[in-house]
Amino acid sequence: MNLPKNEARLEYSPKTTPHNRSMLAFAIAVPIGVLGGLIGLGGAEFRLPVLAGPLKYSAPRAVPLNLAISLVTLAVSLVIRGRTLSFAPLSPYVPAIGSLIAGAVITAIETVAPMGVGSAIGAIMGGLLVGITPAPVLKIGLGAILIFSAIRTFRHAK
């Protein structure tokens, strides 16, 4: 695999094997999916700091990975909500969507697959919890998480 010059190869130590990284990605993705489901988003705003932080991807690599994971989450949402939606407006875009998914997923399957599945599971759980969670709790929680994520992102950028 050819990486851009600014993209360092990930060095795997016994603690950061591809299998361990996949397990970590899945474990982190479920709560992110729950948060995303609670607020009605896919969770991308929470995943990016995780990809750049604990999973140790550089920013140029983390952004497309985040998009690929979002595509997996959106695909699951389309299947689940497909009973109430018409897919006709999407048909002209199927080749482009397929190419984006295939290209992004193939580049880092050990992260995209488990994080995509974990995000989808978490999003379903969050969607179920949103009906019993008071709106003020959601607003305060979302604000706190976004502020925390922004602080972590800016600290990591230094």
N, C-alpha and C. Protein backbone atom coordinates (compact mmCIF):
# COMPACT_ATOMS: atom_id res chain seq x y z
N MET A 1 0.85 -1.18 0.00
CA MET A 1 0.00 0.00 0.00
C MET A 1 0.89 1.24 0.00
N ASN A 2 0.61 2.16 -0.90
CA ASN A 2 1.38 3.40 -0.98
C ASN A 2 0.73 4.46 -0.10
N LEU A 3 1.49 4.98 0.80
CA LEU A 3 0.99 6.02 1.70
C LEU A 3 1.56 7.36 1.28
N PRO A 4 0.81 8.44 1.49
CA PRO A 4 1.35 9.77 1.21
C PRO A 4 2.61 9.99 2.04
N LYS A 5 3.46 10.90 1.58
CA LYS A 5 4.73 11.16 2.28
C LYS A 5 4.52 11.59 3.72
N ASN A 6 3.43 12.31 3.98
CA ASN A 6 3.21 12.81 5.34
C ASN A 6 2.53 11.77 6.23
N GLU A 7 2.24 10.59 5.71
CA GLU A 7 1.57 9.55 6.48
C GLU A 7 2.59 8.52 6.95
N ALA A 8 2.82 8.48 8.23
CA ALA A 8 3.77 7.50 8.76
C ALA A 8 3.11 6.13 8.83
N ARG A 9 3.89 5.11 8.58
CA ARG A 9 3.37 3.75 8.76
C ARG A 9 3.17 3.52 10.25
N LEU A 10 2.10 2.82 10.55
CA LEU A 10 1.84 2.51 11.94
C LEU A 10 2.76 1.39 12.39
N GLU A 11 3.44 1.59 13.45
CA GLU A 11 4.30 0.56 14.00
C GLU A 11 3.47 -0.23 15.00
N TYR A 12 3.38 -1.53 14.79
CA TYR A 12 2.61 -2.36 15.69
C TYR A 12 3.52 -2.97 16.75
N SER A 13 3.23 -2.67 17.99
CA SER A 13 3.92 -3.32 19.09
C SER A 13 3.02 -4.46 19.54
N PRO A 14 3.46 -5.30 20.47
CA PRO A 14 2.58 -6.37 20.93
C PRO A 14 1.25 -5.86 21.46
N LYS A 15 1.21 -4.62 21.95
CA LYS A 15 -0.03 -4.06 22.48
C LYS A 15 -0.92 -3.47 21.38
N THR A 16 -0.36 -3.16 20.22
CA THR A 16 -1.15 -2.51 19.17
C THR A 16 -1.15 -3.33 17.89
N THR A 17 -1.46 -4.60 18.00
CA THR A 17 -1.58 -5.44 16.81
C THR A 17 -2.86 -5.05 16.08
N PRO A 18 -2.99 -5.43 14.79
CA PRO A 18 -4.23 -5.12 14.08
C PRO A 18 -5.46 -5.69 14.80
N HIS A 19 -5.35 -6.88 15.40
CA HIS A 19 -6.49 -7.47 16.11
C HIS A 19 -6.86 -6.63 17.33
N ASN A 20 -5.85 -6.22 18.12
CA ASN A 20 -6.13 -5.38 19.29
C ASN A 20 -6.73 -4.04 18.88
N ARG A 21 -6.23 -3.49 17.78
CA ARG A 21 -6.74 -2.22 17.29
C ARG A 21 -8.20 -2.37 16.86
N SER A 22 -8.53 -3.50 16.22
CA SER A 22 -9.91 -3.76 15.81
C SER A 22 -10.83 -3.87 17.02
N MET A 23 -10.36 -4.56 18.04
CA MET A 23 -11.17 -4.72 19.25
C MET A 23 -11.38 -3.36 19.93
N LEU A 24 -10.33 -2.56 20.00
CA LEU A 24 -10.44 -1.22 20.58
C LEU A 24 -11.41 -0.36 19.77
N ALA A 25 -11.29 -0.44 18.44
CA ALA A 25 -12.18 0.35 17.57
C ALA A 25 -13.63 -0.02 17.82
N PHE A 26 -13.93 -1.32 17.92
CA PHE A 26 -15.30 -1.76 18.16
C PHE A 26 -15.78 -1.30 19.54
N ALA A 27 -14.93 -1.48 20.55
CA ALA A 27 -15.31 -1.11 21.92
C ALA A 27 -15.60 0.38 22.05
N ILE A 28 -14.86 1.19 21.33
CA ILE A 28 -15.08 2.64 21.38
C ILE A 28 -16.29 3.03 20.53
N ALA A 29 -16.53 2.30 19.45
CA ALA A 29 -17.59 2.67 18.51
C ALA A 29 -18.99 2.51 19.08
N VAL A 30 -19.20 1.51 19.93
CA VAL A 30 -20.55 1.30 20.46
C VAL A 30 -21.03 2.50 21.27
N PRO A 31 -20.26 2.99 22.26
CA PRO A 31 -20.75 4.18 22.98
C PRO A 31 -20.86 5.41 22.08
N ILE A 32 -19.96 5.53 21.10
CA ILE A 32 -20.07 6.65 20.16
C ILE A 32 -21.37 6.53 19.37
N GLY A 33 -21.70 5.32 18.95
CA GLY A 33 -22.96 5.11 18.24
C GLY A 33 -24.17 5.43 19.10
N VAL A 34 -24.10 5.07 20.37
CA VAL A 34 -25.20 5.39 21.29
C VAL A 34 -25.37 6.91 21.37
N LEU A 35 -24.26 7.62 21.55
CA LEU A 35 -24.34 9.09 21.60
C LEU A 35 -24.89 9.65 20.30
N GLY A 36 -24.41 9.13 19.18
CA GLY A 36 -24.90 9.59 17.88
C GLY A 36 -26.37 9.32 17.71
N GLY A 37 -26.81 8.13 18.14
CA GLY A 37 -28.23 7.80 18.05
C GLY A 37 -29.09 8.67 18.95
N LEU A 38 -28.57 9.01 20.11
CA LEU A 38 -29.32 9.86 21.04
C LEU A 38 -29.56 11.26 20.47
N ILE A 39 -28.57 11.78 19.75
CA ILE A 39 -28.73 13.15 19.24
C ILE A 39 -29.15 13.18 17.77
N GLY A 40 -29.34 12.00 17.18
CA GLY A 40 -29.83 11.95 15.80
C GLY A 40 -28.77 12.16 14.75
N LEU A 41 -27.51 11.97 15.10
CA LEU A 41 -26.41 12.10 14.15
C LEU A 41 -25.70 10.75 14.05
N GLY A 42 -24.81 10.63 13.11
CA GLY A 42 -24.10 9.37 12.94
C GLY A 42 -22.94 9.16 13.89
N GLY A 43 -22.54 10.18 14.61
CA GLY A 43 -21.45 10.06 15.56
C GLY A 43 -20.09 10.46 15.02
N ALA A 44 -20.05 10.98 13.79
CA ALA A 44 -18.77 11.34 13.17
C ALA A 44 -18.01 12.39 13.98
N GLU A 45 -18.74 13.28 14.62
CA GLU A 45 -18.09 14.33 15.40
C GLU A 45 -17.38 13.76 16.62
N PHE A 46 -17.77 12.57 17.05
CA PHE A 46 -17.13 11.92 18.18
C PHE A 46 -16.02 10.97 17.72
N ARG A 47 -16.18 10.39 16.53
CA ARG A 47 -15.20 9.40 16.05
C ARG A 47 -13.87 10.01 15.65
N LEU A 48 -13.89 11.18 15.06
CA LEU A 48 -12.65 11.77 14.56
C LEU A 48 -11.59 11.95 15.66
N PRO A 49 -11.94 12.50 16.83
CA PRO A 49 -10.92 12.59 17.89
C PRO A 49 -10.41 11.22 18.34
N VAL A 50 -11.27 10.20 18.28
CA VAL A 50 -10.85 8.85 18.68
C VAL A 50 -9.89 8.27 17.65
N LEU A 51 -10.18 8.47 16.37
CA LEU A 51 -9.28 7.96 15.32
C LEU A 51 -7.91 8.62 15.43
N ALA A 52 -7.89 9.92 15.70
CA ALA A 52 -6.62 10.64 15.80
C ALA A 52 -5.95 10.44 17.16
N GLY A 53 -6.72 10.08 18.17
CA GLY A 53 -6.17 9.89 19.51
C GLY A 53 -5.80 8.45 19.80
N PRO A 54 -6.69 7.70 20.46
CA PRO A 54 -6.36 6.33 20.87
C PRO A 54 -5.99 5.39 19.72
N LEU A 55 -6.60 5.57 18.55
CA LEU A 55 -6.28 4.68 17.42
C LEU A 55 -5.08 5.15 16.62
N LYS A 56 -4.57 6.33 16.92
CA LYS A 56 -3.29 6.85 16.42
C LYS A 56 -3.18 7.00 14.90
N TYR A 57 -4.26 7.42 14.25
CA TYR A 57 -4.19 7.75 12.83
C TYR A 57 -3.85 9.23 12.68
N SER A 58 -3.05 9.56 11.68
CA SER A 58 -2.77 10.97 11.41
C SER A 58 -4.03 11.62 10.85
N ALA A 59 -4.12 12.94 10.92
CA ALA A 59 -5.31 13.65 10.43
C ALA A 59 -5.61 13.34 8.97
N PRO A 60 -4.61 13.33 8.06
CA PRO A 60 -4.93 13.03 6.66
C PRO A 60 -5.52 11.63 6.46
N ARG A 61 -5.23 10.73 7.36
CA ARG A 61 -5.77 9.37 7.26
C ARG A 61 -7.07 9.25 8.06
N ALA A 62 -7.18 9.94 9.19
CA ALA A 62 -8.36 9.83 10.05
C ALA A 62 -9.62 10.37 9.39
N VAL A 63 -9.50 11.45 8.64
CA VAL A 63 -10.68 12.07 8.02
C VAL A 63 -11.35 11.12 7.02
N PRO A 64 -10.62 10.54 6.04
CA PRO A 64 -11.30 9.61 5.13
C PRO A 64 -11.78 8.34 5.83
N LEU A 65 -11.07 7.88 6.85
CA LEU A 65 -11.56 6.73 7.61
C LEU A 65 -12.88 7.06 8.29
N ASN A 66 -12.97 8.25 8.85
CA ASN A 66 -14.20 8.69 9.50
C ASN A 66 -15.35 8.72 8.50
N LEU A 67 -15.07 9.19 7.29
CA LEU A 67 -16.10 9.21 6.25
C LEU A 67 -16.53 7.79 5.88
N ALA A 68 -15.57 6.88 5.79
CA ALA A 68 -15.90 5.49 5.45
C ALA A 68 -16.77 4.87 6.53
N ILE A 69 -16.45 5.13 7.78
CA ILE A 69 -17.25 4.61 8.88
C ILE A 69 -18.65 5.22 8.85
N SER A 70 -18.73 6.51 8.51
CA SER A 70 -20.04 7.15 8.37
C SER A 70 -20.86 6.48 7.28
N LEU A 71 -20.21 6.09 6.20
CA LEU A 71 -20.92 5.41 5.12
C LEU A 71 -21.50 4.08 5.59
N VAL A 72 -20.75 3.35 6.40
CA VAL A 72 -21.25 2.08 6.94
C VAL A 72 -22.47 2.36 7.82
N THR A 73 -22.35 3.36 8.69
CA THR A 73 -23.46 3.71 9.58
C THR A 73 -24.69 4.14 8.78
N LEU A 74 -24.47 4.95 7.75
CA LEU A 74 -25.58 5.39 6.91
C LEU A 74 -26.21 4.23 6.15
N ALA A 75 -25.40 3.30 5.68
CA ALA A 75 -25.93 2.13 4.96
C ALA A 75 -26.84 1.32 5.86
N VAL A 76 -26.43 1.11 7.11
CA VAL A 76 -27.28 0.39 8.06
C VAL A 76 -28.56 1.17 8.31
N SER A 77 -28.46 2.48 8.45
CA SER A 77 -29.65 3.31 8.66
C SER A 77 -30.61 3.21 7.49
N LEU A 78 -30.06 3.20 6.27
CA LEU A 78 -30.92 3.08 5.09
C LEU A 78 -31.65 1.75 5.07
N VAL A 79 -30.97 0.68 5.45
CA VAL A 79 -31.61 -0.63 5.48
C VAL A 79 -32.73 -0.65 6.52
N ILE A 80 -32.43 -0.13 7.70
CA ILE A 80 -33.42 -0.14 8.78
C ILE A 80 -34.61 0.76 8.46
N ARG A 81 -34.35 1.91 7.89
CA ARG A 81 -35.43 2.85 7.59
C ARG A 81 -35.99 2.68 6.19
N GLY A 82 -35.48 1.71 5.46
CA GLY A 82 -35.89 1.49 4.07
C GLY A 82 -37.37 1.21 3.89
N ARG A 83 -38.01 0.74 4.92
CA ARG A 83 -39.45 0.47 4.82
C ARG A 83 -40.27 1.74 4.67
N THR A 84 -39.72 2.86 5.12
CA THR A 84 -40.47 4.11 5.07
C THR A 84 -39.90 5.12 4.07
N LEU A 85 -38.77 4.78 3.43
CA LEU A 85 -38.13 5.70 2.49
C LEU A 85 -38.17 5.16 1.07
N SER A 86 -38.13 6.06 0.12
CA SER A 86 -37.99 5.66 -1.28
C SER A 86 -36.52 5.79 -1.66
N PHE A 87 -35.98 4.74 -2.26
CA PHE A 87 -34.57 4.76 -2.68
C PHE A 87 -34.40 5.30 -4.10
N ALA A 88 -35.48 5.61 -4.78
CA ALA A 88 -35.40 6.08 -6.16
C ALA A 88 -34.50 7.32 -6.31
N PRO A 89 -34.57 8.31 -5.42
CA PRO A 89 -33.69 9.47 -5.58
C PRO A 89 -32.20 9.14 -5.47
N LEU A 90 -31.86 8.02 -4.84
CA LEU A 90 -30.46 7.65 -4.67
C LEU A 90 -29.88 6.87 -5.85
N SER A 91 -30.74 6.32 -6.70
CA SER A 91 -30.26 5.42 -7.76
C SER A 91 -29.19 6.03 -8.67
N PRO A 92 -29.22 7.32 -9.04
CA PRO A 92 -28.14 7.84 -9.88
C PRO A 92 -26.78 7.85 -9.19
N TYR A 93 -26.78 7.79 -7.87
CA TYR A 93 -25.54 7.91 -7.10
C TYR A 93 -24.96 6.56 -6.65
N VAL A 94 -25.63 5.47 -6.96
CA VAL A 94 -25.19 4.16 -6.49
C VAL A 94 -23.75 3.84 -6.89
N PRO A 95 -23.33 4.06 -8.16
CA PRO A 95 -21.93 3.76 -8.50
C PRO A 95 -20.92 4.59 -7.68
N ALA A 96 -21.20 5.86 -7.49
CA ALA A 96 -20.28 6.71 -6.72
C ALA A 96 -20.25 6.28 -5.26
N ILE A 97 -21.41 5.98 -4.69
CA ILE A 97 -21.47 5.54 -3.30
C ILE A 97 -20.70 4.24 -3.13
N GLY A 98 -20.91 3.30 -4.04
CA GLY A 98 -20.19 2.02 -3.98
C GLY A 98 -18.69 2.19 -4.07
N SER A 99 -18.24 3.07 -4.95
CA SER A 99 -16.80 3.32 -5.10
C SER A 99 -16.21 3.92 -3.84
N LEU A 100 -16.91 4.88 -3.25
CA LEU A 100 -16.43 5.50 -2.01
C LEU A 100 -16.32 4.48 -0.89
N ILE A 101 -17.36 3.67 -0.75
CA ILE A 101 -17.35 2.67 0.32
C ILE A 101 -16.21 1.68 0.10
N ALA A 102 -16.11 1.13 -1.11
CA ALA A 102 -15.09 0.12 -1.39
C ALA A 102 -13.69 0.68 -1.20
N GLY A 103 -13.42 1.85 -1.75
CA GLY A 103 -12.08 2.43 -1.65
C GLY A 103 -11.69 2.74 -0.23
N ALA A 104 -12.60 3.31 0.52
CA ALA A 104 -12.27 3.69 1.90
C ALA A 104 -12.16 2.49 2.81
N VAL A 105 -13.05 1.52 2.64
CA VAL A 105 -13.04 0.35 3.52
C VAL A 105 -11.80 -0.50 3.29
N ILE A 106 -11.39 -0.66 2.05
CA ILE A 106 -10.24 -1.50 1.73
C ILE A 106 -8.96 -0.95 2.34
N THR A 107 -8.84 0.37 2.45
CA THR A 107 -7.58 0.95 2.93
C THR A 107 -7.29 0.66 4.40
N ALA A 108 -8.29 0.47 5.21
CA ALA A 108 -8.06 0.20 6.64
C ALA A 108 -9.18 -0.66 7.20
N ILE A 109 -9.33 -1.84 6.64
CA ILE A 109 -10.43 -2.73 7.02
C ILE A 109 -10.40 -3.07 8.51
N GLU A 110 -9.20 -3.13 9.11
CA GLU A 110 -9.13 -3.52 10.52
C GLU A 110 -9.73 -2.47 11.45
N THR A 111 -9.92 -1.26 10.97
CA THR A 111 -10.56 -0.22 11.78
C THR A 111 -11.97 0.06 11.29
N VAL A 112 -12.16 0.16 9.98
CA VAL A 112 -13.45 0.55 9.43
C VAL A 112 -14.53 -0.48 9.74
N ALA A 113 -14.25 -1.75 9.55
CA ALA A 113 -15.28 -2.77 9.76
C ALA A 113 -15.75 -2.82 11.22
N PRO A 114 -14.85 -3.00 12.19
CA PRO A 114 -15.35 -3.06 13.56
C PRO A 114 -15.94 -1.75 14.06
N MET A 115 -15.37 -0.63 13.63
CA MET A 115 -15.90 0.65 14.09
C MET A 115 -17.24 0.93 13.41
N GLY A 116 -17.39 0.54 12.16
CA GLY A 116 -18.67 0.71 11.47
C GLY A 116 -19.77 -0.13 12.10
N VAL A 117 -19.46 -1.39 12.39
CA VAL A 117 -20.45 -2.27 13.02
C VAL A 117 -20.78 -1.78 14.42
N GLY A 118 -19.75 -1.42 15.18
CA GLY A 118 -19.98 -0.91 16.53
C GLY A 118 -20.80 0.36 16.54
N SER A 119 -20.52 1.26 15.59
CA SER A 119 -21.28 2.51 15.49
C SER A 119 -22.74 2.23 15.15
N ALA A 120 -22.96 1.27 14.25
CA ALA A 120 -24.33 0.94 13.86
C ALA A 120 -25.10 0.35 15.05
N ILE A 121 -24.48 -0.56 15.77
CA ILE A 121 -25.12 -1.15 16.96
C ILE A 121 -25.42 -0.06 17.99
N GLY A 122 -24.44 0.78 18.24
CA GLY A 122 -24.63 1.86 19.20
C GLY A 122 -25.69 2.85 18.76
N ALA A 123 -25.75 3.15 17.45
CA ALA A 123 -26.76 4.09 16.95
C ALA A 123 -28.16 3.54 17.16
N ILE A 124 -28.33 2.25 16.97
CA ILE A 124 -29.64 1.63 17.21
C ILE A 124 -29.99 1.75 18.70
N MET A 125 -29.02 1.46 19.56
CA MET A 125 -29.26 1.57 21.00
C MET A 125 -29.59 3.02 21.38
N GLY A 126 -28.83 3.97 20.84
CA GLY A 126 -29.08 5.38 21.13
C GLY A 126 -30.44 5.83 20.64
N GLY A 127 -30.84 5.35 19.46
CA GLY A 127 -32.15 5.68 18.92
C GLY A 127 -33.27 5.19 19.82
N LEU A 128 -33.06 4.04 20.43
CA LEU A 128 -34.06 3.52 21.36
C LEU A 128 -34.08 4.30 22.68
N LEU A 129 -32.91 4.75 23.12
CA LEU A 129 -32.82 5.49 24.39
C LEU A 129 -33.30 6.93 24.29
N VAL A 130 -33.31 7.49 23.08
CA VAL A 130 -33.67 8.91 22.94
C VAL A 130 -35.10 9.17 23.39
N GLY A 131 -35.97 8.19 23.27
CA GLY A 131 -37.36 8.37 23.68
C GLY A 131 -37.54 8.48 25.18
N ILE A 132 -36.58 8.00 25.94
CA ILE A 132 -36.72 8.03 27.41
C ILE A 132 -35.74 9.00 28.08
N THR A 133 -34.94 9.69 27.28
CA THR A 133 -33.96 10.63 27.83
C THR A 133 -34.49 12.06 27.70
N PRO A 134 -34.58 12.82 28.79
CA PRO A 134 -35.10 14.19 28.71
C PRO A 134 -34.22 15.07 27.81
N ALA A 135 -34.86 15.96 27.05
CA ALA A 135 -34.16 16.85 26.12
C ALA A 135 -33.07 17.69 26.79
N PRO A 136 -33.31 18.26 27.98
CA PRO A 136 -32.23 19.04 28.61
C PRO A 136 -30.98 18.21 28.90
N VAL A 137 -31.17 16.96 29.27
CA VAL A 137 -30.03 16.07 29.53
C VAL A 137 -29.24 15.86 28.24
N LEU A 138 -29.96 15.66 27.13
CA LEU A 138 -29.29 15.48 25.84
C LEU A 138 -28.49 16.72 25.45
N LYS A 139 -29.09 17.90 25.62
CA LYS A 139 -28.41 19.15 25.24
C LYS A 139 -27.15 19.38 26.07
N ILE A 140 -27.26 19.21 27.36
CA ILE A 140 -26.10 19.41 28.23
C ILE A 140 -25.03 18.36 27.94
N GLY A 141 -25.44 17.13 27.78
CA GLY A 141 -24.49 16.06 27.48
C GLY A 141 -23.77 16.29 26.16
N LEU A 142 -24.52 16.68 25.14
CA LEU A 142 -23.91 16.95 23.83
C LEU A 142 -22.92 18.11 23.92
N GLY A 143 -23.32 19.17 24.59
CA GLY A 143 -22.41 20.32 24.74
C GLY A 143 -21.13 19.94 25.44
N ALA A 144 -21.24 19.17 26.51
CA ALA A 144 -20.05 18.75 27.26
C ALA A 144 -19.15 17.86 26.40
N ILE A 145 -19.74 16.95 25.67
CA ILE A 145 -18.94 16.04 24.82
C ILE A 145 -18.24 16.81 23.72
N LEU A 146 -18.94 17.73 23.09
CA LEU A 146 -18.32 18.49 22.00
C LEU A 146 -17.20 19.40 22.51
N ILE A 147 -17.39 20.00 23.67
CA ILE A 147 -16.33 20.83 24.25
C ILE A 147 -15.12 19.95 24.60
N PHE A 148 -15.36 18.81 25.22
CA PHE A 148 -14.28 17.89 25.56
C PHE A 148 -13.54 17.43 24.30
N SER A 149 -14.29 17.08 23.25
CA SER A 149 -13.67 16.64 21.99
C SER A 149 -12.83 17.74 21.37
N ALA A 150 -13.34 18.97 21.40
CA ALA A 150 -12.60 20.09 20.83
C ALA A 150 -11.29 20.32 21.59
N ILE A 151 -11.35 20.27 22.90
CA ILE A 151 -10.14 20.46 23.71
C ILE A 151 -9.13 19.36 23.39
N ARG A 152 -9.59 18.12 23.32
CA ARG A 152 -8.67 17.00 23.01
C ARG A 152 -8.08 17.15 21.62
N THR A 153 -8.89 17.58 20.67
CA THR A 153 -8.40 17.73 19.30
C THR A 153 -7.34 18.82 19.23
N PHE A 154 -7.58 19.96 19.88
CA PHE A 154 -6.61 21.06 19.85
C PHE A 154 -5.33 20.69 20.60
N ARG A 155 -5.44 19.96 21.68
CA ARG A 155 -4.24 19.53 22.41
C ARG A 155 -3.42 18.57 21.56
N HIS A 156 -4.10 17.69 20.83
CA HIS A 156 -3.41 16.71 19.98
C HIS A 156 -2.72 17.40 18.81
N ALA A 157 -3.27 18.51 18.34
CA ALA A 157 -2.71 19.22 17.19
C ALA A 157 -1.40 19.93 17.51
N LYS A 158 -1.12 20.18 18.78
CA LYS A 158 0.10 20.92 19.17
C LYS A 158 1.33 20.11 18.95
